[in-house]
Amino acid sequence: RDHSYAGVCRNLNRIKLCMEAGRPVVLFQLDSLYESLYDALNQFHVVFGGHRYVDLGLGSQRVKCRMHPDFRLVIVAEQETALQRLPIPLLNRLEKH
């Protein structure tokens, strides 16, 4: 697991490419990325030119990313681990199964 700033940037770029192409993304033990994806998890997007855009953020930096209608983002975590390690605002954004 690469939790360095460069690693987080690299992983966010991979997610951005999948988001634009409509490929699903499954995240497991990538806690360092979740806060950057809050707007996507909230389904908070803007529509411009018939396309949906969502903010991806890293620290104070934000970038608009085109979101394909078929894009899906899945976070996999065991319930006990999630309750202990994930922030409550993030837990509130997730569907629980």
N, C-alpha and C. Protein backbone atom coordinates (compact mmCIF):
# COMPACT_ATOMS: atom_id res chain seq x y z
N ARG A 1 0.84 -1.18 0.00
CA ARG A 1 0.00 0.00 0.00
C ARG A 1 0.88 1.24 0.00
N ASP A 2 0.60 2.14 -0.90
CA ASP A 2 1.38 3.36 -1.04
C ASP A 2 0.56 4.53 -0.54
N HIS A 3 0.92 5.03 0.67
CA HIS A 3 0.16 6.12 1.28
C HIS A 3 0.87 7.46 1.13
N SER A 4 1.97 7.51 0.39
CA SER A 4 2.67 8.77 0.19
C SER A 4 1.81 9.69 -0.67
N TYR A 5 2.15 10.98 -0.64
CA TYR A 5 1.42 11.95 -1.45
C TYR A 5 1.44 11.54 -2.92
N ALA A 6 2.60 11.13 -3.41
CA ALA A 6 2.72 10.71 -4.81
C ALA A 6 1.85 9.48 -5.08
N GLY A 7 1.81 8.56 -4.13
CA GLY A 7 0.98 7.36 -4.30
C GLY A 7 -0.50 7.70 -4.33
N VAL A 8 -0.92 8.61 -3.46
CA VAL A 8 -2.33 9.03 -3.45
C VAL A 8 -2.67 9.71 -4.77
N CYS A 9 -1.79 10.58 -5.26
CA CYS A 9 -2.01 11.24 -6.55
C CYS A 9 -2.13 10.22 -7.67
N ARG A 10 -1.25 9.23 -7.67
CA ARG A 10 -1.27 8.19 -8.70
C ARG A 10 -2.60 7.42 -8.66
N ASN A 11 -3.04 7.05 -7.46
CA ASN A 11 -4.30 6.31 -7.33
C ASN A 11 -5.50 7.16 -7.71
N LEU A 12 -5.49 8.44 -7.34
CA LEU A 12 -6.59 9.33 -7.73
C LEU A 12 -6.65 9.47 -9.25
N ASN A 13 -5.50 9.53 -9.89
CA ASN A 13 -5.49 9.62 -11.35
C ASN A 13 -6.07 8.36 -11.97
N ARG A 14 -5.76 7.20 -11.42
CA ARG A 14 -6.33 5.95 -11.92
C ARG A 14 -7.85 5.96 -11.78
N ILE A 15 -8.33 6.42 -10.63
CA ILE A 15 -9.78 6.50 -10.41
C ILE A 15 -10.41 7.47 -11.39
N LYS A 16 -9.75 8.61 -11.60
CA LYS A 16 -10.26 9.61 -12.54
C LYS A 16 -10.41 9.01 -13.94
N LEU A 17 -9.43 8.26 -14.39
CA LEU A 17 -9.51 7.64 -15.72
C LEU A 17 -10.67 6.65 -15.80
N CYS A 18 -10.86 5.87 -14.76
CA CYS A 18 -11.98 4.93 -14.73
C CYS A 18 -13.31 5.66 -14.68
N MET A 19 -13.36 6.75 -13.93
CA MET A 19 -14.58 7.55 -13.81
C MET A 19 -14.98 8.10 -15.18
N GLU A 20 -14.00 8.57 -15.93
CA GLU A 20 -14.28 9.13 -17.26
C GLU A 20 -14.70 8.05 -18.26
N ALA A 21 -14.14 6.85 -18.11
CA ALA A 21 -14.42 5.76 -19.06
C ALA A 21 -15.63 4.92 -18.68
N GLY A 22 -16.14 5.10 -17.46
CA GLY A 22 -17.29 4.32 -17.01
C GLY A 22 -16.93 2.95 -16.50
N ARG A 23 -15.67 2.75 -16.13
CA ARG A 23 -15.24 1.46 -15.58
C ARG A 23 -15.43 1.47 -14.06
N PRO A 24 -15.90 0.38 -13.49
CA PRO A 24 -16.10 0.33 -12.03
C PRO A 24 -14.76 0.32 -11.29
N VAL A 25 -14.77 0.87 -10.09
CA VAL A 25 -13.58 0.90 -9.23
C VAL A 25 -13.95 0.28 -7.89
N VAL A 26 -13.14 -0.66 -7.43
CA VAL A 26 -13.32 -1.28 -6.13
C VAL A 26 -12.10 -0.91 -5.28
N LEU A 27 -12.36 -0.27 -4.13
CA LEU A 27 -11.28 0.15 -3.24
C LEU A 27 -11.28 -0.71 -1.99
N PHE A 28 -10.10 -1.15 -1.60
CA PHE A 28 -9.94 -1.96 -0.40
C PHE A 28 -8.69 -1.49 0.33
N GLN A 29 -8.85 -1.10 1.57
CA GLN A 29 -7.76 -0.61 2.41
C GLN A 29 -7.02 0.56 1.78
N LEU A 30 -7.76 1.49 1.23
CA LEU A 30 -7.17 2.70 0.67
C LEU A 30 -7.75 3.92 1.38
N ASP A 31 -7.68 3.87 2.71
CA ASP A 31 -8.26 4.93 3.55
C ASP A 31 -7.77 6.32 3.16
N SER A 32 -6.54 6.41 2.67
CA SER A 32 -5.95 7.71 2.33
C SER A 32 -6.64 8.37 1.14
N LEU A 33 -7.46 7.62 0.40
CA LEU A 33 -8.15 8.17 -0.77
C LEU A 33 -9.58 8.61 -0.50
N TYR A 34 -10.19 8.06 0.51
CA TYR A 34 -11.64 8.21 0.66
C TYR A 34 -12.09 9.66 0.80
N GLU A 35 -11.36 10.45 1.55
CA GLU A 35 -11.76 11.85 1.73
C GLU A 35 -11.74 12.60 0.40
N SER A 36 -10.84 12.25 -0.49
CA SER A 36 -10.75 12.89 -1.79
C SER A 36 -11.96 12.59 -2.67
N LEU A 37 -12.71 11.57 -2.31
CA LEU A 37 -13.83 11.10 -3.13
C LEU A 37 -15.20 11.46 -2.54
N TYR A 38 -15.22 12.31 -1.51
CA TYR A 38 -16.49 12.62 -0.85
C TYR A 38 -17.57 13.11 -1.82
N ASP A 39 -17.23 14.03 -2.72
CA ASP A 39 -18.24 14.55 -3.65
C ASP A 39 -18.78 13.46 -4.56
N ALA A 40 -17.91 12.57 -5.01
CA ALA A 40 -18.37 11.45 -5.85
C ALA A 40 -19.27 10.53 -5.05
N LEU A 41 -18.90 10.26 -3.80
CA LEU A 41 -19.71 9.39 -2.95
C LEU A 41 -21.05 10.04 -2.60
N ASN A 42 -21.06 11.35 -2.52
CA ASN A 42 -22.28 12.11 -2.24
C ASN A 42 -23.16 12.25 -3.47
N GLN A 43 -22.63 11.83 -4.61
CA GLN A 43 -23.30 12.04 -5.89
C GLN A 43 -23.56 13.52 -6.11
N PHE A 44 -22.63 14.35 -5.61
CA PHE A 44 -22.71 15.80 -5.80
C PHE A 44 -21.95 16.14 -7.07
N HIS A 45 -22.68 16.47 -8.11
CA HIS A 45 -22.06 16.76 -9.38
C HIS A 45 -22.75 17.95 -10.04
N VAL A 46 -22.09 18.51 -11.03
CA VAL A 46 -22.68 19.57 -11.83
C VAL A 46 -22.81 19.04 -13.26
N VAL A 47 -23.78 19.57 -13.96
CA VAL A 47 -24.00 19.17 -15.35
C VAL A 47 -23.60 20.35 -16.24
N PHE A 48 -22.75 20.05 -17.19
CA PHE A 48 -22.29 21.06 -18.13
C PHE A 48 -22.16 20.41 -19.50
N GLY A 49 -22.82 20.98 -20.49
CA GLY A 49 -22.75 20.41 -21.84
C GLY A 49 -23.29 19.00 -21.93
N GLY A 50 -24.25 18.67 -21.07
CA GLY A 50 -24.85 17.35 -21.09
C GLY A 50 -24.04 16.27 -20.37
N HIS A 51 -22.93 16.65 -19.75
CA HIS A 51 -22.08 15.70 -19.03
C HIS A 51 -22.03 16.05 -17.55
N ARG A 52 -21.89 15.02 -16.72
CA ARG A 52 -21.77 15.22 -15.27
C ARG A 52 -20.30 15.37 -14.90
N TYR A 53 -20.03 16.31 -14.00
CA TYR A 53 -18.69 16.53 -13.49
C TYR A 53 -18.72 16.52 -11.97
N VAL A 54 -17.69 15.96 -11.37
CA VAL A 54 -17.59 15.89 -9.92
C VAL A 54 -16.19 16.37 -9.52
N ASP A 55 -16.09 16.96 -8.33
CA ASP A 55 -14.79 17.40 -7.83
C ASP A 55 -14.05 16.23 -7.19
N LEU A 56 -12.79 16.09 -7.54
CA LEU A 56 -11.87 15.21 -6.83
C LEU A 56 -10.89 16.12 -6.13
N GLY A 57 -10.60 15.83 -4.88
CA GLY A 57 -9.74 16.74 -4.13
C GLY A 57 -8.61 16.03 -3.44
N LEU A 58 -7.53 16.77 -3.26
CA LEU A 58 -6.39 16.30 -2.49
C LEU A 58 -5.88 17.50 -1.72
N GLY A 59 -6.14 17.49 -0.43
CA GLY A 59 -5.80 18.66 0.38
C GLY A 59 -6.66 19.83 -0.07
N SER A 60 -6.04 20.95 -0.37
CA SER A 60 -6.79 22.13 -0.80
C SER A 60 -6.96 22.18 -2.32
N GLN A 61 -6.41 21.24 -3.04
CA GLN A 61 -6.50 21.20 -4.50
C GLN A 61 -7.75 20.45 -4.92
N ARG A 62 -8.50 21.02 -5.86
CA ARG A 62 -9.70 20.39 -6.40
C ARG A 62 -9.61 20.39 -7.92
N VAL A 63 -10.11 19.33 -8.53
CA VAL A 63 -10.16 19.26 -9.99
C VAL A 63 -11.51 18.66 -10.38
N LYS A 64 -12.11 19.24 -11.42
CA LYS A 64 -13.37 18.70 -11.94
C LYS A 64 -13.06 17.50 -12.83
N CYS A 65 -13.82 16.45 -12.65
CA CYS A 65 -13.63 15.23 -13.42
C CYS A 65 -14.96 14.83 -14.04
N ARG A 66 -14.91 14.51 -15.32
CA ARG A 66 -16.13 14.05 -16.00
C ARG A 66 -16.48 12.66 -15.49
N MET A 67 -17.75 12.48 -15.16
CA MET A 67 -18.22 11.20 -14.61
C MET A 67 -19.15 10.52 -15.61
N HIS A 68 -18.70 9.40 -16.13
CA HIS A 68 -19.49 8.60 -17.07
C HIS A 68 -20.72 8.06 -16.33
N PRO A 69 -21.87 7.99 -16.99
CA PRO A 69 -23.08 7.49 -16.33
C PRO A 69 -22.96 6.06 -15.80
N ASP A 70 -22.09 5.24 -16.38
CA ASP A 70 -21.93 3.86 -15.94
C ASP A 70 -20.92 3.68 -14.82
N PHE A 71 -20.26 4.76 -14.40
CA PHE A 71 -19.22 4.65 -13.38
C PHE A 71 -19.82 4.22 -12.03
N ARG A 72 -19.14 3.29 -11.38
CA ARG A 72 -19.53 2.84 -10.04
C ARG A 72 -18.28 2.80 -9.17
N LEU A 73 -18.45 3.21 -7.92
CA LEU A 73 -17.36 3.21 -6.96
C LEU A 73 -17.77 2.37 -5.76
N VAL A 74 -16.98 1.35 -5.45
CA VAL A 74 -17.28 0.43 -4.37
C VAL A 74 -16.13 0.47 -3.37
N ILE A 75 -16.47 0.64 -2.10
CA ILE A 75 -15.48 0.57 -1.03
C ILE A 75 -15.78 -0.69 -0.23
N VAL A 76 -14.78 -1.57 -0.11
CA VAL A 76 -14.94 -2.81 0.62
C VAL A 76 -14.23 -2.68 1.96
N ALA A 77 -14.99 -2.93 3.04
CA ALA A 77 -14.40 -2.88 4.39
C ALA A 77 -15.23 -3.76 5.30
N GLU A 78 -14.55 -4.42 6.22
CA GLU A 78 -15.28 -5.19 7.23
C GLU A 78 -15.97 -4.21 8.17
N GLN A 79 -17.14 -4.58 8.64
CA GLN A 79 -17.95 -3.67 9.45
C GLN A 79 -17.19 -3.14 10.66
N GLU A 80 -16.57 -4.02 11.40
CA GLU A 80 -15.85 -3.60 12.62
C GLU A 80 -14.71 -2.64 12.28
N THR A 81 -13.97 -2.96 11.25
CA THR A 81 -12.86 -2.10 10.82
C THR A 81 -13.38 -0.75 10.37
N ALA A 82 -14.46 -0.77 9.59
CA ALA A 82 -15.03 0.48 9.10
C ALA A 82 -15.48 1.38 10.25
N LEU A 83 -16.14 0.80 11.23
CA LEU A 83 -16.64 1.60 12.36
C LEU A 83 -15.50 2.17 13.19
N GLN A 84 -14.38 1.48 13.24
CA GLN A 84 -13.24 1.94 14.03
C GLN A 84 -12.37 2.95 13.28
N ARG A 85 -12.21 2.76 11.98
CA ARG A 85 -11.19 3.54 11.25
C ARG A 85 -11.73 4.61 10.32
N LEU A 86 -12.94 4.45 9.82
CA LEU A 86 -13.45 5.40 8.84
C LEU A 86 -14.19 6.54 9.53
N PRO A 87 -14.03 7.76 9.02
CA PRO A 87 -14.74 8.90 9.61
C PRO A 87 -16.25 8.75 9.44
N ILE A 88 -17.00 9.21 10.42
CA ILE A 88 -18.46 9.12 10.37
C ILE A 88 -19.04 9.77 9.12
N PRO A 89 -18.56 10.96 8.69
CA PRO A 89 -19.11 11.54 7.45
C PRO A 89 -18.97 10.61 6.25
N LEU A 90 -17.87 9.86 6.19
CA LEU A 90 -17.69 8.90 5.10
C LEU A 90 -18.66 7.74 5.24
N LEU A 91 -18.80 7.20 6.44
CA LEU A 91 -19.74 6.10 6.67
C LEU A 91 -21.16 6.48 6.27
N ASN A 92 -21.53 7.73 6.52
CA ASN A 92 -22.87 8.20 6.18
C ASN A 92 -23.11 8.24 4.69
N ARG A 93 -22.06 8.29 3.89
CA ARG A 93 -22.19 8.35 2.44
C ARG A 93 -22.30 6.98 1.78
N LEU A 94 -22.04 5.93 2.54
CA LEU A 94 -21.95 4.60 1.96
C LEU A 94 -23.23 3.79 2.14
N GLU A 95 -23.51 2.94 1.16
CA GLU A 95 -24.56 1.95 1.31
C GLU A 95 -23.95 0.80 2.11
N LYS A 96 -24.71 0.26 3.04
CA LYS A 96 -24.20 -0.82 3.87
C LYS A 96 -24.83 -2.14 3.43
N HIS A 97 -23.97 -3.13 3.17
CA HIS A 97 -24.46 -4.47 2.77
C HIS A 97 -23.79 -5.51 3.60
